[in-house]
């Protein structure tokens, strides 16, 4: 969960800054109204900013992740536990066919782990001290396999691509529809804004927020889907029984301490209704059932 929240949060901040800059300096209105740029041109402009924001977020993901939790990267193992952790990650990475990722440990009582990075061969895998203290080595090994599978599957890159496409259409639709609404409010017969102003700016920001919520639902759906794949990878690398046992242990620890609930990597409460649309992870019971039913 942490890697998703950090990525989305960074992406949101970058997109907000870019949107404000584009609107304040009138880049979108200039392109849309004064130069006669067609909708294809506007779409290209939005794609540059939308995809750019997503990949800037991805490029910053490792640094922000380490800073946000105070993770300490293990350069050379200094204890038997760190040596075991190092050897397990290396074994999983070799089995998954990826380069050795950075390994980090951060101090937190919750049982959490995450992986992030721009590429399969330059990733970061981090675990909390709470997870290392609360699980046996077989369970920790399965969790590490889960995270290594995220890296091997290129989930963060795919997430950036999905987010970039969604950013593009959020910006594009907000500006096109905002221009039409602003033009209609100004009484233009063709319904197009001719330069806009504060009204256009506010309409675009509101529409971008609404469309952004819809985009977030799509990103969260993708995140839930990829968790089942990562669980299967954890079972393959660390053993199905160990993966199920790790999830069962996590189901009894809903992470009420240190990290905010939005940062809990595994311990997602079983919520339904509209709130389920914004969950990055499926309920643990569903994940256990999927592992048990796997052929």
C-alpha atoms as a PDB file:
ATOM      1  CA  UNK A   1       0.000   0.000   0.000  1.00  0.00           C
ATOM      2  CA  UNK A   2       2.799   2.407   0.870  1.00  0.00           C
ATOM      3  CA  UNK A   3       4.320   2.337  -2.611  1.00  0.00           C
ATOM      4  CA  UNK A   4       0.913   3.067  -4.173  1.00  0.00           C
ATOM      5  CA  UNK A   5       0.106   5.915  -1.785  1.00  0.00           C
ATOM      6  CA  UNK A   6       3.513   7.520  -2.263  1.00  0.00           C
ATOM      7  CA  UNK A   7       3.231   7.248  -6.031  1.00  0.00           C
ATOM      8  CA  UNK A   8      -0.307   8.615  -6.148  1.00  0.00           C
ATOM      9  CA  UNK A   9       0.473  11.378  -3.660  1.00  0.00           C
ATOM     10  CA  UNK A  10       3.562  12.502  -5.540  1.00  0.00           C
ATOM     11  CA  UNK A  11       1.757  12.253  -8.860  1.00  0.00           C
ATOM     12  CA  UNK A  12      -1.169  14.307  -7.512  1.00  0.00           C
ATOM     13  CA  UNK A  13       1.157  17.015  -6.223  1.00  0.00           C
ATOM     14  CA  UNK A  14       3.065  17.199  -9.512  1.00  0.00           C
ATOM     15  CA  UNK A  15      -0.123  17.261 -11.565  1.00  0.00           C
ATOM     16  CA  UNK A  16      -1.598  19.992  -9.367  1.00  0.00           C
ATOM     17  CA  UNK A  17       1.500  22.152  -9.808  1.00  0.00           C
ATOM     18  CA  UNK A  18       1.578  21.529 -13.555  1.00  0.00           C
ATOM     19  CA  UNK A  19      -2.134  22.270 -13.876  1.00  0.00           C
ATOM     20  CA  UNK A  20      -1.842  25.525 -11.967  1.00  0.00           C
ATOM     21  CA  UNK A  21       1.164  26.594 -14.062  1.00  0.00           C
ATOM     22  CA  UNK A  22      -0.630  25.698 -17.305  1.00  0.00           C
ATOM     23  CA  UNK A  23      -3.753  27.613 -16.238  1.00  0.00           C
ATOM     24  CA  UNK A  24      -2.041  30.648 -14.693  1.00  0.00           C
ATOM     25  CA  UNK A  25       0.155  31.215 -17.731  1.00  0.00           C
ATOM     26  CA  UNK A  26      -2.747  30.482 -20.067  1.00  0.00           C
ATOM     27  CA  UNK A  27      -0.888  27.757 -21.967  1.00  0.00           C
ATOM     28  CA  UNK A  28      -4.018  25.671 -22.410  1.00  0.00           C
ATOM     29  CA  UNK A  29      -6.231  28.635 -23.379  1.00  0.00           C
ATOM     30  CA  UNK A  30      -3.574  29.899 -25.763  1.00  0.00           C
ATOM     31  CA  UNK A  31      -3.324  26.492 -27.408  1.00  0.00           C
ATOM     32  CA  UNK A  32      -7.067  25.915 -27.487  1.00  0.00           C
ATOM     33  CA  UNK A  33      -8.341  29.352 -28.498  1.00  0.00           C
ATOM     34  CA  UNK A  34      -5.748  31.762 -29.853  1.00  0.00           C
ATOM     35  CA  UNK A  35      -3.721  29.503 -32.125  1.00  0.00           C
ATOM     36  CA  UNK A  36      -6.620  27.490 -33.471  1.00  0.00           C
ATOM     37  CA  UNK A  37      -5.052  24.304 -32.146  1.00  0.00           C
ATOM     38  CA  UNK A  38      -7.478  21.436 -32.665  1.00  0.00           C
ATOM     39  CA  UNK A  39      -8.476  18.785 -30.138  1.00  0.00           C
ATOM     40  CA  UNK A  40      -5.666  16.516 -31.299  1.00  0.00           C
ATOM     41  CA  UNK A  41      -3.162  19.220 -30.481  1.00  0.00           C
ATOM     42  CA  UNK A  42      -4.727  19.766 -27.067  1.00  0.00           C
ATOM     43  CA  UNK A  43      -4.579  16.024 -26.435  1.00  0.00           C
ATOM     44  CA  UNK A  44      -0.864  15.962 -27.292  1.00  0.00           C
ATOM     45  CA  UNK A  45      -0.238  18.896 -24.944  1.00  0.00           C
ATOM     46  CA  UNK A  46      -2.055  17.137 -22.110  1.00  0.00           C
ATOM     47  CA  UNK A  47      -0.192  13.888 -22.836  1.00  0.00           C
ATOM     48  CA  UNK A  48       3.161  15.642 -22.435  1.00  0.00           C
ATOM     49  CA  UNK A  49       2.179  16.973 -19.004  1.00  0.00           C
ATOM     50  CA  UNK A  50       0.163  13.899 -17.950  1.00  0.00           C
ATOM     51  CA  UNK A  51       2.736  11.254 -18.823  1.00  0.00           C
ATOM     52  CA  UNK A  52       5.541  13.506 -17.616  1.00  0.00           C
ATOM     53  CA  UNK A  53       3.958  13.878 -14.183  1.00  0.00           C
ATOM     54  CA  UNK A  54       3.506  10.126 -13.792  1.00  0.00           C
ATOM     55  CA  UNK A  55       7.076   9.269 -14.718  1.00  0.00           C
ATOM     56  CA  UNK A  56       8.542  12.039 -12.569  1.00  0.00           C
ATOM     57  CA  UNK A  57       6.630  10.422  -9.682  1.00  0.00           C
ATOM     58  CA  UNK A  58       8.084   7.034 -10.597  1.00  0.00           C
ATOM     59  CA  UNK A  59      11.608   8.440 -10.809  1.00  0.00           C
ATOM     60  CA  UNK A  60      11.245   9.891  -7.299  1.00  0.00           C
ATOM     61  CA  UNK A  61       9.590   6.808  -5.805  1.00  0.00           C
ATOM     62  CA  UNK A  62      12.656   5.151  -4.233  1.00  0.00           C
ATOM     63  CA  UNK A  63      13.964   8.338  -2.662  1.00  0.00           C
ATOM     64  CA  UNK A  64      10.573   9.378  -1.311  1.00  0.00           C
ATOM     65  CA  UNK A  65       9.834   5.891   0.004  1.00  0.00           C
ATOM     66  CA  UNK A  66      13.089   5.768   1.971  1.00  0.00           C
ATOM     67  CA  UNK A  67      12.611   9.284   3.316  1.00  0.00           C
ATOM     68  CA  UNK A  68       8.969   8.761   4.308  1.00  0.00           C
ATOM     69  CA  UNK A  69       9.675   5.817   6.620  1.00  0.00           C
ATOM     70  CA  UNK A  70      13.301   6.509   7.527  1.00  0.00           C
ATOM     71  CA  UNK A  71      14.436   3.280   5.907  1.00  0.00           C
ATOM     72  CA  UNK A  72      18.054   2.238   6.389  1.00  0.00           C
ATOM     73  CA  UNK A  73      19.567   0.524   3.349  1.00  0.00           C
ATOM     74  CA  UNK A  74      21.617  -2.594   4.118  1.00  0.00           C
ATOM     75  CA  UNK A  75      24.937  -2.152   2.349  1.00  0.00           C
ATOM     76  CA  UNK A  76      26.826  -4.933   4.101  1.00  0.00           C
ATOM     77  CA  UNK A  77      24.928  -7.279   6.452  1.00  0.00           C
ATOM     78  CA  UNK A  78      25.920  -6.572  10.069  1.00  0.00           C
ATOM     79  CA  UNK A  79      24.048  -9.398  11.776  1.00  0.00           C
ATOM     80  CA  UNK A  80      22.823 -12.924  11.166  1.00  0.00           C
ATOM     81  CA  UNK A  81      19.296 -11.613  10.570  1.00  0.00           C
ATOM     82  CA  UNK A  82      20.475  -9.074   7.978  1.00  0.00           C
ATOM     83  CA  UNK A  83      22.569 -11.758   6.284  1.00  0.00           C
ATOM     84  CA  UNK A  84      19.541 -14.046   6.087  1.00  0.00           C
ATOM     85  CA  UNK A  85      17.433 -11.185   4.715  1.00  0.00           C
ATOM     86  CA  UNK A  86      20.111 -10.375   2.144  1.00  0.00           C
ATOM     87  CA  UNK A  87      20.464 -14.022   1.062  1.00  0.00           C
ATOM     88  CA  UNK A  88      16.681 -14.526   0.804  1.00  0.00           C
ATOM     89  CA  UNK A  89      16.169 -11.444  -1.360  1.00  0.00           C
ATOM     90  CA  UNK A  90      19.077 -12.469  -3.586  1.00  0.00           C
ATOM     91  CA  UNK A  91      17.667 -16.000  -3.952  1.00  0.00           C
ATOM     92  CA  UNK A  92      14.206 -14.672  -4.888  1.00  0.00           C
ATOM     93  CA  UNK A  93      15.672 -12.083  -7.268  1.00  0.00           C
ATOM     94  CA  UNK A  94      17.728 -14.742  -9.052  1.00  0.00           C
ATOM     95  CA  UNK A  95      14.708 -17.038  -9.287  1.00  0.00           C
ATOM     96  CA  UNK A  96      12.587 -14.194 -10.680  1.00  0.00           C
ATOM     97  CA  UNK A  97      15.271 -13.209 -13.188  1.00  0.00           C
ATOM     98  CA  UNK A  98      15.843  -9.644 -11.973  1.00  0.00           C
ATOM     99  CA  UNK A  99      18.831  -7.704 -10.675  1.00  0.00           C
ATOM    100  CA  UNK A 100      19.557  -7.595  -6.962  1.00  0.00           C
ATOM    101  CA  UNK A 101      17.397  -4.816  -5.463  1.00  0.00           C
ATOM    102  CA  UNK A 102      18.395  -2.521  -2.633  1.00  0.00           C
ATOM    103  CA  UNK A 103      17.280  -3.908   0.731  1.00  0.00           C
ATOM    104  CA  UNK A 104      16.128  -1.607   3.510  1.00  0.00           C
ATOM    105  CA  UNK A 105      14.690  -2.000   6.996  1.00  0.00           C
ATOM    106  CA  UNK A 106      12.655   0.660   8.762  1.00  0.00           C
ATOM    107  CA  UNK A 107      11.553   0.911  12.369  1.00  0.00           C
ATOM    108  CA  UNK A 108       7.800   0.456  12.767  1.00  0.00           C
ATOM    109  CA  UNK A 109       5.696  -1.845  14.955  1.00  0.00           C
ATOM    110  CA  UNK A 110       3.311  -2.725  12.106  1.00  0.00           C
ATOM    111  CA  UNK A 111       3.885  -5.683   9.796  1.00  0.00           C
ATOM    112  CA  UNK A 112       4.591  -3.988   6.487  1.00  0.00           C
ATOM    113  CA  UNK A 113       6.711  -4.407   3.384  1.00  0.00           C
ATOM    114  CA  UNK A 114       6.914  -2.653   0.036  1.00  0.00           C
ATOM    115  CA  UNK A 115       8.874  -2.586  -3.206  1.00  0.00           C
ATOM    116  CA  UNK A 116       9.346   0.286  -5.621  1.00  0.00           C
ATOM    117  CA  UNK A 117      11.685   1.600  -8.307  1.00  0.00           C
ATOM    118  CA  UNK A 118      11.877   2.636 -11.953  1.00  0.00           C
ATOM    119  CA  UNK A 119      13.062  -0.690 -13.332  1.00  0.00           C
ATOM    120  CA  UNK A 120      13.328  -4.370 -12.532  1.00  0.00           C
ATOM    121  CA  UNK A 121      17.069  -4.133 -12.065  1.00  0.00           C
ATOM    122  CA  UNK A 122      17.133  -0.977  -9.933  1.00  0.00           C
ATOM    123  CA  UNK A 123      14.432  -1.570  -7.340  1.00  0.00           C
ATOM    124  CA  UNK A 124      14.073  -1.217  -3.590  1.00  0.00           C
ATOM    125  CA  UNK A 125      12.575  -3.796  -1.215  1.00  0.00           C
ATOM    126  CA  UNK A 126      11.891  -2.602   2.334  1.00  0.00           C
ATOM    127  CA  UNK A 127      10.478  -4.367   5.381  1.00  0.00           C
ATOM    128  CA  UNK A 128       9.465  -3.108   8.800  1.00  0.00           C
ATOM    129  CA  UNK A 129      11.015  -4.269  12.039  1.00  0.00           C
ATOM    130  CA  UNK A 130       7.499  -5.216  13.146  1.00  0.00           C
ATOM    131  CA  UNK A 131       7.227  -7.722  10.307  1.00  0.00           C
ATOM    132  CA  UNK A 132      10.636  -9.226  11.076  1.00  0.00           C
ATOM    133  CA  UNK A 133       9.746  -9.614  14.758  1.00  0.00           C
ATOM    134  CA  UNK A 134       6.218 -10.957  14.267  1.00  0.00           C
ATOM    135  CA  UNK A 135       6.695 -13.542  11.510  1.00  0.00           C
ATOM    136  CA  UNK A 136       8.812 -16.637  11.247  1.00  0.00           C
ATOM    137  CA  UNK A 137      11.385 -16.869   8.483  1.00  0.00           C
ATOM    138  CA  UNK A 138       9.188 -18.924   6.166  1.00  0.00           C
ATOM    139  CA  UNK A 139       6.464 -16.254   6.342  1.00  0.00           C
ATOM    140  CA  UNK A 140       8.940 -13.397   5.868  1.00  0.00           C
ATOM    141  CA  UNK A 141      10.417 -15.253   2.914  1.00  0.00           C
ATOM    142  CA  UNK A 142       6.975 -15.505   1.300  1.00  0.00           C
ATOM    143  CA  UNK A 143       6.334 -11.788   1.868  1.00  0.00           C
ATOM    144  CA  UNK A 144       9.687 -10.980   0.276  1.00  0.00           C
ATOM    145  CA  UNK A 145       8.701 -13.224  -2.640  1.00  0.00           C
ATOM    146  CA  UNK A 146       5.479 -11.219  -2.958  1.00  0.00           C
ATOM    147  CA  UNK A 147       7.447  -7.964  -3.171  1.00  0.00           C
ATOM    148  CA  UNK A 148      10.038  -9.378  -5.571  1.00  0.00           C
ATOM    149  CA  UNK A 149       7.162 -10.495  -7.811  1.00  0.00           C
ATOM    150  CA  UNK A 150       5.874  -6.902  -7.908  1.00  0.00           C
ATOM    151  CA  UNK A 151       9.307  -5.889  -9.185  1.00  0.00           C
ATOM    152  CA  UNK A 152       9.605  -8.777 -11.664  1.00  0.00           C
ATOM    153  CA  UNK A 153       6.130  -8.041 -13.045  1.00  0.00           C
ATOM    154  CA  UNK A 154       7.070  -4.390 -13.582  1.00  0.00           C
ATOM    155  CA  UNK A 155       4.061  -3.291 -11.565  1.00  0.00           C
ATOM    156  CA  UNK A 156       5.346   0.196 -10.728  1.00  0.00           C
ATOM    157  CA  UNK A 157       6.180   0.937 -14.372  1.00  0.00           C
ATOM    158  CA  UNK A 158       2.788  -0.360 -15.486  1.00  0.00           C
ATOM    159  CA  UNK A 159       1.138   1.713 -12.772  1.00  0.00           C
ATOM    160  CA  UNK A 160       2.985   4.789 -14.073  1.00  0.00           C
ATOM    161  CA  UNK A 161       1.778   4.079 -17.617  1.00  0.00           C
ATOM    162  CA  UNK A 162      -1.814   3.629 -16.446  1.00  0.00           C
ATOM    163  CA  UNK A 163      -1.608   6.773 -14.336  1.00  0.00           C
ATOM    164  CA  UNK A 164      -0.024   8.724 -17.188  1.00  0.00           C
ATOM    165  CA  UNK A 165      -2.798   7.818 -19.624  1.00  0.00           C
ATOM    166  CA  UNK A 166      -5.419   8.705 -17.021  1.00  0.00           C
ATOM    167  CA  UNK A 167      -3.656  12.004 -16.240  1.00  0.00           C
ATOM    168  CA  UNK A 168      -3.760  12.833 -19.930  1.00  0.00           C
ATOM    169  CA  UNK A 169      -7.491  12.323 -20.246  1.00  0.00           C
ATOM    170  CA  UNK A 170      -8.241  13.996 -16.906  1.00  0.00           C
ATOM    171  CA  UNK A 171      -6.414  17.142 -18.055  1.00  0.00           C
ATOM    172  CA  UNK A 172      -7.829  16.963 -21.578  1.00  0.00           C
ATOM    173  CA  UNK A 173     -11.469  16.442 -20.637  1.00  0.00           C
ATOM    174  CA  UNK A 174     -11.322  18.992 -17.822  1.00  0.00           C
ATOM    175  CA  UNK A 175     -10.036  21.688 -20.186  1.00  0.00           C
ATOM    176  CA  UNK A 176     -12.268  20.906 -23.143  1.00  0.00           C
ATOM    177  CA  UNK A 177     -15.437  20.594 -21.059  1.00  0.00           C
ATOM    178  CA  UNK A 178     -14.343  23.534 -18.903  1.00  0.00           C
ATOM    179  CA  UNK A 179     -13.899  25.654 -22.029  1.00  0.00           C
ATOM    180  CA  UNK A 180     -17.361  24.732 -23.276  1.00  0.00           C
ATOM    181  CA  UNK A 181     -18.987  25.478 -19.910  1.00  0.00           C
ATOM    182  CA  UNK A 182     -17.097  28.749 -19.516  1.00  0.00           C
ATOM    183  CA  UNK A 183     -18.014  29.769 -23.054  1.00  0.00           C
ATOM    184  CA  UNK A 184     -21.684  28.986 -22.453  1.00  0.00           C
ATOM    185  CA  UNK A 185     -21.654  30.978 -19.214  1.00  0.00           C
ATOM    186  CA  UNK A 186     -20.167  33.926 -21.101  1.00  0.00           C
ATOM    187  CA  UNK A 187     -22.893  33.681 -23.703  1.00  0.00           C
ATOM    188  CA  UNK A 188     -20.714  32.626 -26.651  1.00  0.00           C
ATOM    189  CA  UNK A 189     -22.860  31.067 -29.334  1.00  0.00           C
ATOM    190  CA  UNK A 190     -20.321  28.408 -30.192  1.00  0.00           C
ATOM    191  CA  UNK A 191     -20.006  27.475 -26.526  1.00  0.00           C
ATOM    192  CA  UNK A 192     -16.217  27.894 -26.512  1.00  0.00           C
ATOM    193  CA  UNK A 193     -14.195  29.922 -24.043  1.00  0.00           C
ATOM    194  CA  UNK A 194     -12.267  32.796 -25.629  1.00  0.00           C
ATOM    195  CA  UNK A 195      -9.493  33.244 -23.147  1.00  0.00           C
ATOM    196  CA  UNK A 196     -11.378  32.503 -19.971  1.00  0.00           C
ATOM    197  CA  UNK A 197     -10.420  33.907 -16.593  1.00  0.00           C
ATOM    198  CA  UNK A 198     -10.905  32.986 -12.980  1.00  0.00           C
ATOM    199  CA  UNK A 199     -14.182  31.277 -13.865  1.00  0.00           C
ATOM    200  CA  UNK A 200     -12.505  29.021 -16.400  1.00  0.00           C
ATOM    201  CA  UNK A 201      -9.691  28.266 -13.952  1.00  0.00           C
ATOM    202  CA  UNK A 202     -12.111  27.251 -11.185  1.00  0.00           C
ATOM    203  CA  UNK A 203     -14.236  25.131 -13.511  1.00  0.00           C
ATOM    204  CA  UNK A 204     -11.184  23.276 -14.823  1.00  0.00           C
ATOM    205  CA  UNK A 205      -9.855  22.645 -11.301  1.00  0.00           C
ATOM    206  CA  UNK A 206     -13.249  21.314 -10.162  1.00  0.00           C
ATOM    207  CA  UNK A 207     -13.601  19.054 -13.190  1.00  0.00           C
ATOM    208  CA  UNK A 208     -10.037  17.833 -12.774  1.00  0.00           C
ATOM    209  CA  UNK A 209     -10.808  16.892  -9.164  1.00  0.00           C
ATOM    210  CA  UNK A 210     -13.959  14.973 -10.157  1.00  0.00           C
ATOM    211  CA  UNK A 211     -12.300  13.192 -13.071  1.00  0.00           C
ATOM    212  CA  UNK A 212      -9.282  12.544 -10.854  1.00  0.00           C
ATOM    213  CA  UNK A 213     -11.463  10.621  -8.410  1.00  0.00           C
ATOM    214  CA  UNK A 214     -12.739   8.433 -11.234  1.00  0.00           C
ATOM    215  CA  UNK A 215      -9.165   7.886 -12.399  1.00  0.00           C
ATOM    216  CA  UNK A 216      -8.144   6.884  -8.873  1.00  0.00           C
ATOM    217  CA  UNK A 217     -10.825   4.177  -8.878  1.00  0.00           C
ATOM    218  CA  UNK A 218      -9.274   2.715 -12.022  1.00  0.00           C
ATOM    219  CA  UNK A 219      -5.772   2.823 -10.509  1.00  0.00           C
ATOM    220  CA  UNK A 220      -7.036   1.114  -7.348  1.00  0.00           C
ATOM    221  CA  UNK A 221      -8.733  -1.588  -9.416  1.00  0.00           C
ATOM    222  CA  UNK A 222      -5.435  -2.262 -11.167  1.00  0.00           C
ATOM    223  CA  UNK A 223      -3.644  -2.309  -7.809  1.00  0.00           C
ATOM    224  CA  UNK A 224      -6.075  -4.888  -6.391  1.00  0.00           C
ATOM    225  CA  UNK A 225      -5.692  -7.081  -9.466  1.00  0.00           C
ATOM    226  CA  UNK A 226      -1.909  -7.048  -9.304  1.00  0.00           C
ATOM    227  CA  UNK A 227      -1.952  -8.086  -5.621  1.00  0.00           C
ATOM    228  CA  UNK A 228      -3.400 -11.468  -6.566  1.00  0.00           C
ATOM    229  CA  UNK A 229      -0.555 -11.918  -9.069  1.00  0.00           C
ATOM    230  CA  UNK A 230       2.027 -10.908  -6.464  1.00  0.00           C
ATOM    231  CA  UNK A 231       0.517 -13.350  -3.943  1.00  0.00           C
ATOM    232  CA  UNK A 232       0.835 -16.117  -6.518  1.00  0.00           C
ATOM    233  CA  UNK A 233       4.465 -15.115  -7.043  1.00  0.00           C
ATOM    234  CA  UNK A 234       5.082 -15.111  -3.302  1.00  0.00           C
ATOM    235  CA  UNK A 235       3.628 -18.603  -3.114  1.00  0.00           C
ATOM    236  CA  UNK A 236       5.846 -19.763  -5.979  1.00  0.00           C
ATOM    237  CA  UNK A 237       9.035 -18.287  -4.509  1.00  0.00           C
ATOM    238  CA  UNK A 238       8.385 -18.828  -0.814  1.00  0.00           C
ATOM    239  CA  UNK A 239       5.851 -21.639  -0.740  1.00  0.00           C
ATOM    240  CA  UNK A 240       2.063 -21.560  -0.872  1.00  0.00           C
ATOM    241  CA  UNK A 241       1.683 -22.626   2.733  1.00  0.00           C
ATOM    242  CA  UNK A 242       4.070 -19.911   3.906  1.00  0.00           C
ATOM    243  CA  UNK A 243       2.246 -17.244   1.845  1.00  0.00           C
ATOM    244  CA  UNK A 244      -1.108 -18.277   3.261  1.00  0.00           C
ATOM    245  CA  UNK A 245       0.334 -18.360   6.772  1.00  0.00           C
ATOM    246  CA  UNK A 246       1.785 -14.856   6.312  1.00  0.00           C
ATOM    247  CA  UNK A 247      -1.585 -13.505   5.188  1.00  0.00           C
ATOM    248  CA  UNK A 248      -3.320 -15.208   8.114  1.00  0.00           C
ATOM    249  CA  UNK A 249      -0.843 -13.583  10.496  1.00  0.00           C
ATOM    250  CA  UNK A 250      -1.469 -10.218   8.849  1.00  0.00           C
ATOM    251  CA  UNK A 251      -5.233 -10.662   9.102  1.00  0.00           C
ATOM    252  CA  UNK A 252      -4.908 -10.575  12.876  1.00  0.00           C
ATOM    253  CA  UNK A 253      -2.807  -7.414  12.777  1.00  0.00           C
ATOM    254  CA  UNK A 254      -4.709  -4.553  11.208  1.00  0.00           C
ATOM    255  CA  UNK A 255      -1.854  -2.167  11.813  1.00  0.00           C
ATOM    256  CA  UNK A 256      -3.310   0.315  14.304  1.00  0.00           C
ATOM    257  CA  UNK A 257       0.085   1.720  15.295  1.00  0.00           C
ATOM    258  CA  UNK A 258       2.741   3.910  13.652  1.00  0.00           C
ATOM    259  CA  UNK A 259       1.774   4.217   9.996  1.00  0.00           C
ATOM    260  CA  UNK A 260      -1.544   5.752   8.897  1.00  0.00           C
ATOM    261  CA  UNK A 261      -4.099   3.212   7.691  1.00  0.00           C
ATOM    262  CA  UNK A 262      -3.560   4.415   4.132  1.00  0.00           C
ATOM    263  CA  UNK A 263       0.067   3.221   4.376  1.00  0.00           C
ATOM    264  CA  UNK A 264      -0.628  -0.315   5.546  1.00  0.00           C
ATOM    265  CA  UNK A 265       1.053  -2.629   3.045  1.00  0.00           C
ATOM    266  CA  UNK A 266      -0.998  -5.755   3.710  1.00  0.00           C
ATOM    267  CA  UNK A 267      -3.384  -5.166   6.604  1.00  0.00           C
ATOM    268  CA  UNK A 268      -6.345  -3.796   4.703  1.00  0.00           C
ATOM    269  CA  UNK A 269      -9.676  -3.902   6.508  1.00  0.00           C
ATOM    270  CA  UNK A 270     -12.496  -5.778   4.817  1.00  0.00           C
ATOM    271  CA  UNK A 271     -14.651  -2.916   3.635  1.00  0.00           C
ATOM    272  CA  UNK A 272     -17.458  -2.975   1.128  1.00  0.00           C
ATOM    273  CA  UNK A 273     -19.651  -0.591  -0.795  1.00  0.00           C
ATOM    274  CA  UNK A 274     -18.215   2.563  -2.335  1.00  0.00           C
ATOM    275  CA  UNK A 275     -15.131   2.451  -0.083  1.00  0.00           C
ATOM    276  CA  UNK A 276     -14.034  -0.773  -1.799  1.00  0.00           C
ATOM    277  CA  UNK A 277     -13.510   1.197  -5.015  1.00  0.00           C
ATOM    278  CA  UNK A 278     -10.675   3.092  -3.311  1.00  0.00           C
ATOM    279  CA  UNK A 279      -8.940   0.064  -1.762  1.00  0.00           C
ATOM    280  CA  UNK A 280      -5.487  -0.664  -3.174  1.00  0.00           C
ATOM    281  CA  UNK A 281      -5.516  -4.237  -1.799  1.00  0.00           C
ATOM    282  CA  UNK A 282      -8.268  -6.880  -1.832  1.00  0.00           C
ATOM    283  CA  UNK A 283      -9.508  -8.135   1.557  1.00  0.00           C
ATOM    284  CA  UNK A 284      -7.092 -10.680   2.981  1.00  0.00           C
ATOM    285  CA  UNK A 285      -9.784 -13.368   3.065  1.00  0.00           C
ATOM    286  CA  UNK A 286     -10.157 -13.094  -0.719  1.00  0.00           C
ATOM    287  CA  UNK A 287      -6.407 -13.319  -1.196  1.00  0.00           C
ATOM    288  CA  UNK A 288      -6.177 -16.464   0.947  1.00  0.00           C
ATOM    289  CA  UNK A 289      -9.093 -18.025  -0.911  1.00  0.00           C
ATOM    290  CA  UNK A 290      -7.437 -17.286  -4.277  1.00  0.00           C
ATOM    291  CA  UNK A 291      -4.229 -19.012  -3.128  1.00  0.00           C
ATOM    292  CA  UNK A 292      -6.097 -22.033  -1.837  1.00  0.00           C
ATOM    293  CA  UNK A 293      -8.076 -22.363  -5.072  1.00  0.00           C
ATOM    294  CA  UNK A 294      -5.038 -21.939  -7.324  1.00  0.00           C
ATOM    295  CA  UNK A 295      -4.196 -24.962  -9.418  1.00  0.00           C
END
